[in-house]
């Protein structure tokens, strides 16, 4: 699972390399929950933005389900980055 997260992280960094200065994803598992802790900063303002996404481990029992959940989480991460970029562009204009 970690390799898949690393591969998606690398792809995301490449996709947003003009905008994102720092990007990190930590994966935690505790008490039946899987938690993704995400942080990123934009080159334009250097402000750290962070959030966590928690899912019930029962939602991702096998590898196929885990990959689907991870892919959905990375789509949510992309949404957060897109929103931060859009908000920053609005502030600059």
PDB file of N, CA and C in Angstrom:
ATOM      1  N   UNK A   1       0.832  -1.189   0.000  1.00  0.00           N
ATOM      2  CA  UNK A   1       0.000   0.000   0.000  1.00  0.00           C
ATOM      3  C   UNK A   1       0.876   1.252   0.000  1.00  0.00           C
ATOM      4  N   UNK A   2       1.971   1.197   0.737  1.00  0.00           N
ATOM      5  CA  UNK A   2       2.864   2.362   0.816  1.00  0.00           C
ATOM      6  C   UNK A   2       3.453   2.691  -0.560  1.00  0.00           C
ATOM      7  N   UNK A   3       3.795   1.658  -1.331  1.00  0.00           N
ATOM      8  CA  UNK A   3       4.350   1.890  -2.669  1.00  0.00           C
ATOM      9  C   UNK A   3       3.339   2.605  -3.568  1.00  0.00           C
ATOM     10  N   UNK A   4       2.081   2.226  -3.458  1.00  0.00           N
ATOM     11  CA  UNK A   4       1.034   2.861  -4.254  1.00  0.00           C
ATOM     12  C   UNK A   4       0.862   4.323  -3.852  1.00  0.00           C
ATOM     13  N   UNK A   5       0.895   4.589  -2.555  1.00  0.00           N
ATOM     14  CA  UNK A   5       0.814   5.965  -2.053  1.00  0.00           C
ATOM     15  C   UNK A   5       2.005   6.775  -2.559  1.00  0.00           C
ATOM     16  N   UNK A   6       3.200   6.183  -2.516  1.00  0.00           N
ATOM     17  CA  UNK A   6       4.395   6.881  -3.002  1.00  0.00           C
ATOM     18  C   UNK A   6       4.295   7.180  -4.495  1.00  0.00           C
ATOM     19  N   UNK A   7       3.771   6.223  -5.260  1.00  0.00           N
ATOM     20  CA  UNK A   7       3.633   6.425  -6.707  1.00  0.00           C
ATOM     21  C   UNK A   7       2.633   7.543  -7.009  1.00  0.00           C
ATOM     22  N   UNK A   8       1.502   7.546  -6.310  1.00  0.00           N
ATOM     23  CA  UNK A   8       0.518   8.608  -6.515  1.00  0.00           C
ATOM     24  C   UNK A   8       1.062   9.963  -6.057  1.00  0.00           C
ATOM     25  N   UNK A   9       1.846   9.962  -4.983  1.00  0.00           N
ATOM     26  CA  UNK A   9       2.469  11.209  -4.507  1.00  0.00           C
ATOM     27  C   UNK A   9       3.418  11.768  -5.551  1.00  0.00           C
ATOM     28  N   UNK A  10       4.233  10.908  -6.130  1.00  0.00           N
ATOM     29  CA  UNK A  10       5.182  11.337  -7.157  1.00  0.00           C
ATOM     30  C   UNK A  10       4.447  11.907  -8.369  1.00  0.00           C
ATOM     31  N   UNK A  11       3.377  11.257  -8.775  1.00  0.00           N
ATOM     32  CA  UNK A  11       2.574  11.738  -9.898  1.00  0.00           C
ATOM     33  C   UNK A  11       1.961  13.099  -9.585  1.00  0.00           C
ATOM     34  N   UNK A  12       1.431  13.238  -8.379  1.00  0.00           N
ATOM     35  CA  UNK A  12       0.807  14.497  -7.965  1.00  0.00           C
ATOM     36  C   UNK A  12       1.828  15.629  -7.929  1.00  0.00           C
ATOM     37  N   UNK A  13       3.001  15.353  -7.393  1.00  0.00           N
ATOM     38  CA  UNK A  13       4.061  16.366  -7.331  1.00  0.00           C
ATOM     39  C   UNK A  13       4.438  16.814  -8.740  1.00  0.00           C
ATOM     40  N   UNK A  14       4.559  15.863  -9.653  1.00  0.00           N
ATOM     41  CA  UNK A  14       4.878  16.205 -11.034  1.00  0.00           C
ATOM     42  C   UNK A  14       3.793  17.035 -11.692  1.00  0.00           C
ATOM     43  N   UNK A  15       2.560  16.718 -11.393  1.00  0.00           N
ATOM     44  CA  UNK A  15       1.414  17.426 -11.969  1.00  0.00           C
ATOM     45  C   UNK A  15       1.336  18.875 -11.489  1.00  0.00           C
ATOM     46  N   UNK A  16       1.721  19.122 -10.251  1.00  0.00           N
ATOM     47  CA  UNK A  16       1.596  20.455  -9.654  1.00  0.00           C
ATOM     48  C   UNK A  16       2.948  21.119  -9.383  1.00  0.00           C
ATOM     49  N   UNK A  17       3.997  20.687 -10.072  1.00  0.00           N
ATOM     50  CA  UNK A  17       5.342  21.178  -9.745  1.00  0.00           C
ATOM     51  C   UNK A  17       5.507  22.686  -9.920  1.00  0.00           C
ATOM     52  N   UNK A  18       4.711  23.308 -10.752  1.00  0.00           N
ATOM     53  CA  UNK A  18       4.799  24.759 -10.914  1.00  0.00           C
ATOM     54  C   UNK A  18       4.175  25.512  -9.747  1.00  0.00           C
ATOM     55  N   UNK A  19       3.283  24.860  -9.020  1.00  0.00           N
ATOM     56  CA  UNK A  19       2.534  25.530  -7.959  1.00  0.00           C
ATOM     57  C   UNK A  19       2.924  25.096  -6.547  1.00  0.00           C
ATOM     58  N   UNK A  20       3.188  23.810  -6.371  1.00  0.00           N
ATOM     59  CA  UNK A  20       3.416  23.262  -5.033  1.00  0.00           C
ATOM     60  C   UNK A  20       4.902  23.277  -4.691  1.00  0.00           C
ATOM     61  N   UNK A  21       5.193  23.869  -3.554  1.00  0.00           N
ATOM     62  CA  UNK A  21       6.567  23.957  -3.069  1.00  0.00           C
ATOM     63  C   UNK A  21       6.928  22.737  -2.217  1.00  0.00           C
ATOM     64  N   UNK A  22       6.022  22.358  -1.329  1.00  0.00           N
ATOM     65  CA  UNK A  22       6.240  21.246  -0.410  1.00  0.00           C
ATOM     66  C   UNK A  22       4.994  20.376  -0.396  1.00  0.00           C
ATOM     67  N   UNK A  23       5.210  19.057  -0.362  1.00  0.00           N
ATOM     68  CA  UNK A  23       4.086  18.135  -0.304  1.00  0.00           C
ATOM     69  C   UNK A  23       4.473  16.939   0.548  1.00  0.00           C
ATOM     70  N   UNK A  24       3.560  16.532   1.428  1.00  0.00           N
ATOM     71  CA  UNK A  24       3.822  15.343   2.244  1.00  0.00           C
ATOM     72  C   UNK A  24       2.517  14.609   2.527  1.00  0.00           C
ATOM     73  N   UNK A  25       2.637  13.297   2.618  1.00  0.00           N
ATOM     74  CA  UNK A  25       1.518  12.443   3.001  1.00  0.00           C
ATOM     75  C   UNK A  25       2.049  11.433   4.008  1.00  0.00           C
ATOM     76  N   UNK A  26       1.434  11.386   5.172  1.00  0.00           N
ATOM     77  CA  UNK A  26       1.747  10.375   6.180  1.00  0.00           C
ATOM     78  C   UNK A  26       0.558   9.446   6.295  1.00  0.00           C
ATOM     79  N   UNK A  27       0.844   8.181   6.361  1.00  0.00           N
ATOM     80  CA  UNK A  27      -0.194   7.165   6.452  1.00  0.00           C
ATOM     81  C   UNK A  27      -0.151   6.550   7.843  1.00  0.00           C
ATOM     82  N   UNK A  28      -1.290   6.591   8.551  1.00  0.00           N
ATOM     83  CA  UNK A  28      -1.389   6.050   9.906  1.00  0.00           C
ATOM     84  C   UNK A  28      -2.518   5.036   9.959  1.00  0.00           C
ATOM     85  N   UNK A  29      -2.355   4.046  10.806  1.00  0.00           N
ATOM     86  CA  UNK A  29      -3.408   3.070  11.036  1.00  0.00           C
ATOM     87  C   UNK A  29      -3.517   2.830  12.535  1.00  0.00           C
ATOM     88  N   UNK A  30      -4.734   3.029  13.073  1.00  0.00           N
ATOM     89  CA  UNK A  30      -4.921   2.873  14.508  1.00  0.00           C
ATOM     90  C   UNK A  30      -6.398   2.668  14.827  1.00  0.00           C
ATOM     91  N   UNK A  31      -6.681   1.752  15.722  1.00  0.00           N
ATOM     92  CA  UNK A  31      -8.040   1.516  16.223  1.00  0.00           C
ATOM     93  C   UNK A  31      -9.071   1.313  15.108  1.00  0.00           C
ATOM     94  N   UNK A  32      -8.705   0.539  14.098  1.00  0.00           N
ATOM     95  CA  UNK A  32      -9.635   0.246  13.023  1.00  0.00           C
ATOM     96  C   UNK A  32      -9.817   1.354  12.011  1.00  0.00           C
ATOM     97  N   UNK A  33      -8.991   2.403  12.101  1.00  0.00           N
ATOM     98  CA  UNK A  33      -9.055   3.517  11.154  1.00  0.00           C
ATOM     99  C   UNK A  33      -7.753   3.622  10.374  1.00  0.00           C
ATOM    100  N   UNK A  34      -7.872   4.054   9.154  1.00  0.00           N
ATOM    101  CA  UNK A  34      -6.708   4.410   8.349  1.00  0.00           C
ATOM    102  C   UNK A  34      -6.778   5.917   8.169  1.00  0.00           C
ATOM    103  N   UNK A  35      -5.682   6.589   8.477  1.00  0.00           N
ATOM    104  CA  UNK A  35      -5.669   8.049   8.423  1.00  0.00           C
ATOM    105  C   UNK A  35      -4.554   8.529   7.501  1.00  0.00           C
ATOM    106  N   UNK A  36      -4.915   9.413   6.596  1.00  0.00           N
ATOM    107  CA  UNK A  36      -3.953  10.077   5.730  1.00  0.00           C
ATOM    108  C   UNK A  36      -3.804  11.504   6.228  1.00  0.00           C
ATOM    109  N   UNK A  37      -2.601  11.867   6.635  1.00  0.00           N
ATOM    110  CA  UNK A  37      -2.317  13.242   7.049  1.00  0.00           C
ATOM    111  C   UNK A  37      -1.562  13.900   5.903  1.00  0.00           C
ATOM    112  N   UNK A  38      -2.128  14.965   5.402  1.00  0.00           N
ATOM    113  CA  UNK A  38      -1.616  15.609   4.196  1.00  0.00           C
ATOM    114  C   UNK A  38      -1.214  17.040   4.509  1.00  0.00           C
ATOM    115  N   UNK A  39      -0.102  17.470   3.939  1.00  0.00           N
ATOM    116  CA  UNK A  39       0.322  18.853   4.063  1.00  0.00           C
ATOM    117  C   UNK A  39       0.969  19.316   2.768  1.00  0.00           C
ATOM    118  N   UNK A  40       0.743  20.570   2.424  1.00  0.00           N
ATOM    119  CA  UNK A  40       1.389  21.133   1.238  1.00  0.00           C
ATOM    120  C   UNK A  40       1.482  22.641   1.392  1.00  0.00           C
ATOM    121  N   UNK A  41       2.422  23.215   0.684  1.00  0.00           N
ATOM    122  CA  UNK A  41       2.517  24.674   0.614  1.00  0.00           C
ATOM    123  C   UNK A  41       2.691  25.062  -0.844  1.00  0.00           C
ATOM    124  N   UNK A  42       2.178  26.225  -1.174  1.00  0.00           N
ATOM    125  CA  UNK A  42       2.298  26.743  -2.534  1.00  0.00           C
ATOM    126  C   UNK A  42       3.535  27.619  -2.639  1.00  0.00           C
ATOM    127  N   UNK A  43       4.120  27.641  -3.808  1.00  0.00           N
ATOM    128  CA  UNK A  43       5.314  28.464  -4.031  1.00  0.00           C
ATOM    129  C   UNK A  43       5.026  29.955  -3.839  1.00  0.00           C
ATOM    130  N   UNK A  44       3.822  30.363  -4.134  1.00  0.00           N
ATOM    131  CA  UNK A  44       3.493  31.783  -4.132  1.00  0.00           C
ATOM    132  C   UNK A  44       3.398  32.374  -2.728  1.00  0.00           C
ATOM    133  N   UNK A  45       2.958  31.576  -1.744  1.00  0.00           N
ATOM    134  CA  UNK A  45       2.782  32.159  -0.406  1.00  0.00           C
ATOM    135  C   UNK A  45       3.472  31.388   0.724  1.00  0.00           C
ATOM    136  N   UNK A  46       4.001  30.227   0.433  1.00  0.00           N
ATOM    137  CA  UNK A  46       4.750  29.410   1.402  1.00  0.00           C
ATOM    138  C   UNK A  46       3.929  29.032   2.631  1.00  0.00           C
ATOM    139  N   UNK A  47       2.627  29.157   2.567  1.00  0.00           N
ATOM    140  CA  UNK A  47       1.741  28.855   3.701  1.00  0.00           C
ATOM    141  C   UNK A  47       1.448  27.348   3.745  1.00  0.00           C
ATOM    142  N   UNK A  48       1.692  26.736   4.905  1.00  0.00           N
ATOM    143  CA  UNK A  48       1.419  25.311   5.061  1.00  0.00           C
ATOM    144  C   UNK A  48      -0.077  25.082   5.242  1.00  0.00           C
ATOM    145  N   UNK A  49      -0.615  24.227   4.406  1.00  0.00           N
ATOM    146  CA  UNK A  49      -2.016  23.828   4.508  1.00  0.00           C
ATOM    147  C   UNK A  49      -2.021  22.342   4.849  1.00  0.00           C
ATOM    148  N   UNK A  50      -2.782  21.971   5.838  1.00  0.00           N
ATOM    149  CA  UNK A  50      -2.796  20.562   6.222  1.00  0.00           C
ATOM    150  C   UNK A  50      -4.210  20.114   6.569  1.00  0.00           C
ATOM    151  N   UNK A  51      -4.437  18.840   6.391  1.00  0.00           N
ATOM    152  CA  UNK A  51      -5.717  18.235   6.728  1.00  0.00           C
ATOM    153  C   UNK A  51      -5.516  16.727   6.857  1.00  0.00           C
ATOM    154  N   UNK A  52      -6.495  16.070   7.413  1.00  0.00           N
ATOM    155  CA  UNK A  52      -6.442  14.616   7.566  1.00  0.00           C
ATOM    156  C   UNK A  52      -7.721  14.004   7.008  1.00  0.00           C
ATOM    157  N   UNK A  53      -7.566  12.835   6.432  1.00  0.00           N
ATOM    158  CA  UNK A  53      -8.704  12.073   5.931  1.00  0.00           C
ATOM    159  C   UNK A  53      -8.680  10.727   6.645  1.00  0.00           C
ATOM    160  N   UNK A  54      -9.783  10.401   7.313  1.00  0.00           N
ATOM    161  CA  UNK A  54      -9.879   9.131   8.035  1.00  0.00           C
ATOM    162  C   UNK A  54     -10.936   8.255   7.386  1.00  0.00           C
ATOM    163  N   UNK A  55     -10.597   6.979   7.257  1.00  0.00           N
ATOM    164  CA  UNK A  55     -11.564   6.013   6.743  1.00  0.00           C
ATOM    165  C   UNK A  55     -11.562   4.794   7.658  1.00  0.00           C
ATOM    166  N   UNK A  56     -12.664   4.102   7.681  1.00  0.00           N
ATOM    167  CA  UNK A  56     -12.772   2.866   8.444  1.00  0.00           C
ATOM    168  C   UNK A  56     -11.994   1.786   7.702  1.00  0.00           C
ATOM    169  N   UNK A  57     -11.136   1.075   8.397  1.00  0.00           N
ATOM    170  CA  UNK A  57     -10.322   0.034   7.768  1.00  0.00           C
ATOM    171  C   UNK A  57     -11.189  -1.053   7.136  1.00  0.00           C
ATOM    172  N   UNK A  58     -12.399  -1.228   7.617  1.00  0.00           N
ATOM    173  CA  UNK A  58     -13.304  -2.237   7.062  1.00  0.00           C
ATOM    174  C   UNK A  58     -13.744  -1.891   5.642  1.00  0.00           C
ATOM    175  N   UNK A  59     -13.596  -0.632   5.240  1.00  0.00           N
ATOM    176  CA  UNK A  59     -13.970  -0.215   3.884  1.00  0.00           C
ATOM    177  C   UNK A  59     -12.942  -0.646   2.845  1.00  0.00           C
ATOM    178  N   UNK A  60     -11.764  -1.053   3.307  1.00  0.00           N
ATOM    179  CA  UNK A  60     -10.687  -1.430   2.394  1.00  0.00           C
ATOM    180  C   UNK A  60     -10.075  -2.746   2.859  1.00  0.00           C
ATOM    181  N   UNK A  61     -10.800  -3.834   2.614  1.00  0.00           N
ATOM    182  CA  UNK A  61     -10.387  -5.136   3.124  1.00  0.00           C
ATOM    183  C   UNK A  61      -9.325  -5.787   2.247  1.00  0.00           C
ATOM    184  N   UNK A  62      -9.471  -5.707   0.933  1.00  0.00           N
ATOM    185  CA  UNK A  62      -8.488  -6.343   0.050  1.00  0.00           C
ATOM    186  C   UNK A  62      -7.724  -5.280  -0.741  1.00  0.00           C
ATOM    187  N   UNK A  63      -6.737  -5.723  -1.515  1.00  0.00           N
ATOM    188  CA  UNK A  63      -5.874  -4.786  -2.245  1.00  0.00           C
ATOM    189  C   UNK A  63      -6.639  -3.921  -3.240  1.00  0.00           C
ATOM    190  N   UNK A  64      -7.611  -4.491  -3.921  1.00  0.00           N
ATOM    191  CA  UNK A  64      -8.379  -3.725  -4.907  1.00  0.00           C
ATOM    192  C   UNK A  64      -9.150  -2.603  -4.214  1.00  0.00           C
ATOM    193  N   UNK A  65      -9.785  -2.926  -3.098  1.00  0.00           N
ATOM    194  CA  UNK A  65     -10.534  -1.906  -2.357  1.00  0.00           C
ATOM    195  C   UNK A  65      -9.603  -0.850  -1.780  1.00  0.00           C
ATOM    196  N   UNK A  66      -8.439  -1.269  -1.286  1.00  0.00           N
ATOM    197  CA  UNK A  66      -7.474  -0.307  -0.739  1.00  0.00           C
ATOM    198  C   UNK A  66      -7.019   0.674  -1.810  1.00  0.00           C
ATOM    199  N   UNK A  67      -6.697   0.145  -2.985  1.00  0.00           N
ATOM    200  CA  UNK A  67      -6.253   1.027  -4.073  1.00  0.00           C
ATOM    201  C   UNK A  67      -7.353   2.002  -4.483  1.00  0.00           C
ATOM    202  N   UNK A  68      -8.583   1.532  -4.510  1.00  0.00           N
ATOM    203  CA  UNK A  68      -9.703   2.413  -4.869  1.00  0.00           C
ATOM    204  C   UNK A  68      -9.878   3.522  -3.836  1.00  0.00           C
ATOM    205  N   UNK A  69      -9.773   3.175  -2.563  1.00  0.00           N
ATOM    206  CA  UNK A  69      -9.908   4.177  -1.500  1.00  0.00           C
ATOM    207  C   UNK A  69      -8.758   5.175  -1.564  1.00  0.00           C
ATOM    208  N   UNK A  70      -7.550   4.678  -1.761  1.00  0.00           N
ATOM    209  CA  UNK A  70      -6.381   5.565  -1.844  1.00  0.00           C
ATOM    210  C   UNK A  70      -6.508   6.497  -3.041  1.00  0.00           C
ATOM    211  N   UNK A  71      -6.934   5.966  -4.190  1.00  0.00           N
ATOM    212  CA  UNK A  71      -7.116   6.801  -5.381  1.00  0.00           C
ATOM    213  C   UNK A  71      -8.154   7.891  -5.121  1.00  0.00           C
ATOM    214  N   UNK A  72      -9.234   7.550  -4.427  1.00  0.00           N
ATOM    215  CA  UNK A  72     -10.262   8.546  -4.099  1.00  0.00           C
ATOM    216  C   UNK A  72      -9.706   9.615  -3.161  1.00  0.00           C
ATOM    217  N   UNK A  73      -8.880   9.213  -2.222  1.00  0.00           N
ATOM    218  CA  UNK A  73      -8.266  10.181  -1.307  1.00  0.00           C
ATOM    219  C   UNK A  73      -7.347  11.120  -2.070  1.00  0.00           C
ATOM    220  N   UNK A  74      -6.605  10.597  -3.028  1.00  0.00           N
ATOM    221  CA  UNK A  74      -5.728  11.467  -3.810  1.00  0.00           C
ATOM    222  C   UNK A  74      -6.517  12.426  -4.696  1.00  0.00           C
ATOM    223  N   UNK A  75      -7.691  12.029  -5.136  1.00  0.00           N
ATOM    224  CA  UNK A  75      -8.558  12.975  -5.854  1.00  0.00           C
ATOM    225  C   UNK A  75      -8.996  14.098  -4.918  1.00  0.00           C
ATOM    226  N   UNK A  76      -9.265  13.756  -3.669  1.00  0.00           N
ATOM    227  CA  UNK A  76      -9.614  14.781  -2.680  1.00  0.00           C
ATOM    228  C   UNK A  76      -8.427  15.709  -2.410  1.00  0.00           C
ATOM    229  N   UNK A  77      -7.231  15.143  -2.372  1.00  0.00           N
ATOM    230  CA  UNK A  77      -6.026  15.962  -2.185  1.00  0.00           C
ATOM    231  C   UNK A  77      -5.880  16.938  -3.347  1.00  0.00           C
ATOM    232  N   UNK A  78      -6.088  16.444  -4.571  1.00  0.00           N
ATOM    233  CA  UNK A  78      -6.026  17.319  -5.746  1.00  0.00           C
ATOM    234  C   UNK A  78      -7.040  18.452  -5.636  1.00  0.00           C
ATOM    235  N   UNK A  79      -8.234  18.142  -5.164  1.00  0.00           N
ATOM    236  CA  UNK A  79      -9.257  19.180  -4.984  1.00  0.00           C
ATOM    237  C   UNK A  79      -8.783  20.251  -4.009  1.00  0.00           C
ATOM    238  N   UNK A  80      -8.158  19.840  -2.908  1.00  0.00           N
ATOM    239  CA  UNK A  80      -7.641  20.801  -1.929  1.00  0.00           C
ATOM    240  C   UNK A  80      -6.563  21.690  -2.553  1.00  0.00           C
ATOM    241  N   UNK A  81      -5.680  21.083  -3.330  1.00  0.00           N
ATOM    242  CA  UNK A  81      -4.616  21.859  -3.982  1.00  0.00           C
ATOM    243  C   UNK A  81      -5.220  22.827  -4.995  1.00  0.00           C
ATOM    244  N   UNK A  82      -6.163  22.344  -5.805  1.00  0.00           N
ATOM    245  CA  UNK A  82      -6.819  23.212  -6.790  1.00  0.00           C
ATOM    246  C   UNK A  82      -7.514  24.396  -6.118  1.00  0.00           C
ATOM    247  N   UNK A  83      -8.200  24.131  -5.011  1.00  0.00           N
ATOM    248  CA  UNK A  83      -8.883  25.207  -4.285  1.00  0.00           C
ATOM    249  C   UNK A  83      -7.884  26.225  -3.735  1.00  0.00           C
ATOM    250  N   UNK A  84      -6.762  25.750  -3.219  1.00  0.00           N
ATOM    251  CA  UNK A  84      -5.745  26.660  -2.681  1.00  0.00           C
ATOM    252  C   UNK A  84      -5.148  27.517  -3.791  1.00  0.00           C
ATOM    253  N   UNK A  85      -4.888  26.911  -4.937  1.00  0.00           N
ATOM    254  CA  UNK A  85      -4.343  27.660  -6.074  1.00  0.00           C
ATOM    255  C   UNK A  85      -5.349  28.713  -6.532  1.00  0.00           C
ATOM    256  N   UNK A  86      -6.608  28.316  -6.679  1.00  0.00           N
ATOM    257  CA  UNK A  86      -7.642  29.255  -7.128  1.00  0.00           C
ATOM    258  C   UNK A  86      -7.808  30.407  -6.144  1.00  0.00           C
ATOM    259  N   UNK A  87      -7.822  30.109  -4.855  1.00  0.00           N
ATOM    260  CA  UNK A  87      -7.976  31.163  -3.844  1.00  0.00           C
ATOM    261  C   UNK A  87      -6.796  32.126  -3.873  1.00  0.00           C
ATOM    262  N   UNK A  88      -5.609  31.594  -4.063  1.00  0.00           N
ATOM    263  CA  UNK A  88      -4.417  32.441  -4.115  1.00  0.00           C
ATOM    264  C   UNK A  88      -4.436  33.329  -5.352  1.00  0.00           C
ATOM    265  N   UNK A  89      -4.861  32.771  -6.485  1.00  0.00           N
ATOM    266  CA  UNK A  89      -4.943  33.574  -7.709  1.00  0.00           C
ATOM    267  C   UNK A  89      -5.968  34.688  -7.566  1.00  0.00           C
ATOM    268  N   UNK A  90      -7.079  34.404  -6.890  1.00  0.00           N
ATOM    269  CA  UNK A  90      -8.082  35.445  -6.651  1.00  0.00           C
ATOM    270  C   UNK A  90      -7.520  36.564  -5.782  1.00  0.00           C
ATOM    271  N   UNK A  91      -6.762  36.196  -4.766  1.00  0.00           N
ATOM    272  CA  UNK A  91      -6.159  37.200  -3.887  1.00  0.00           C
ATOM    273  C   UNK A  91      -5.161  38.074  -4.642  1.00  0.00           C
ATOM    274  N   UNK A  92      -4.428  37.474  -5.564  1.00  0.00           N
ATOM    275  CA  UNK A  92      -3.418  38.223  -6.312  1.00  0.00           C
ATOM    276  C   UNK A  92      -4.042  39.174  -7.325  1.00  0.00           C
ATOM    277  N   UNK A  93      -5.240  38.850  -7.786  1.00  0.00           N
ATOM    278  CA  UNK A  93      -5.903  39.715  -8.770  1.00  0.00           C
ATOM    279  C   UNK A  93      -6.677  40.731  -8.034  1.00  0.00           C
TER     280      UNK A  93
END
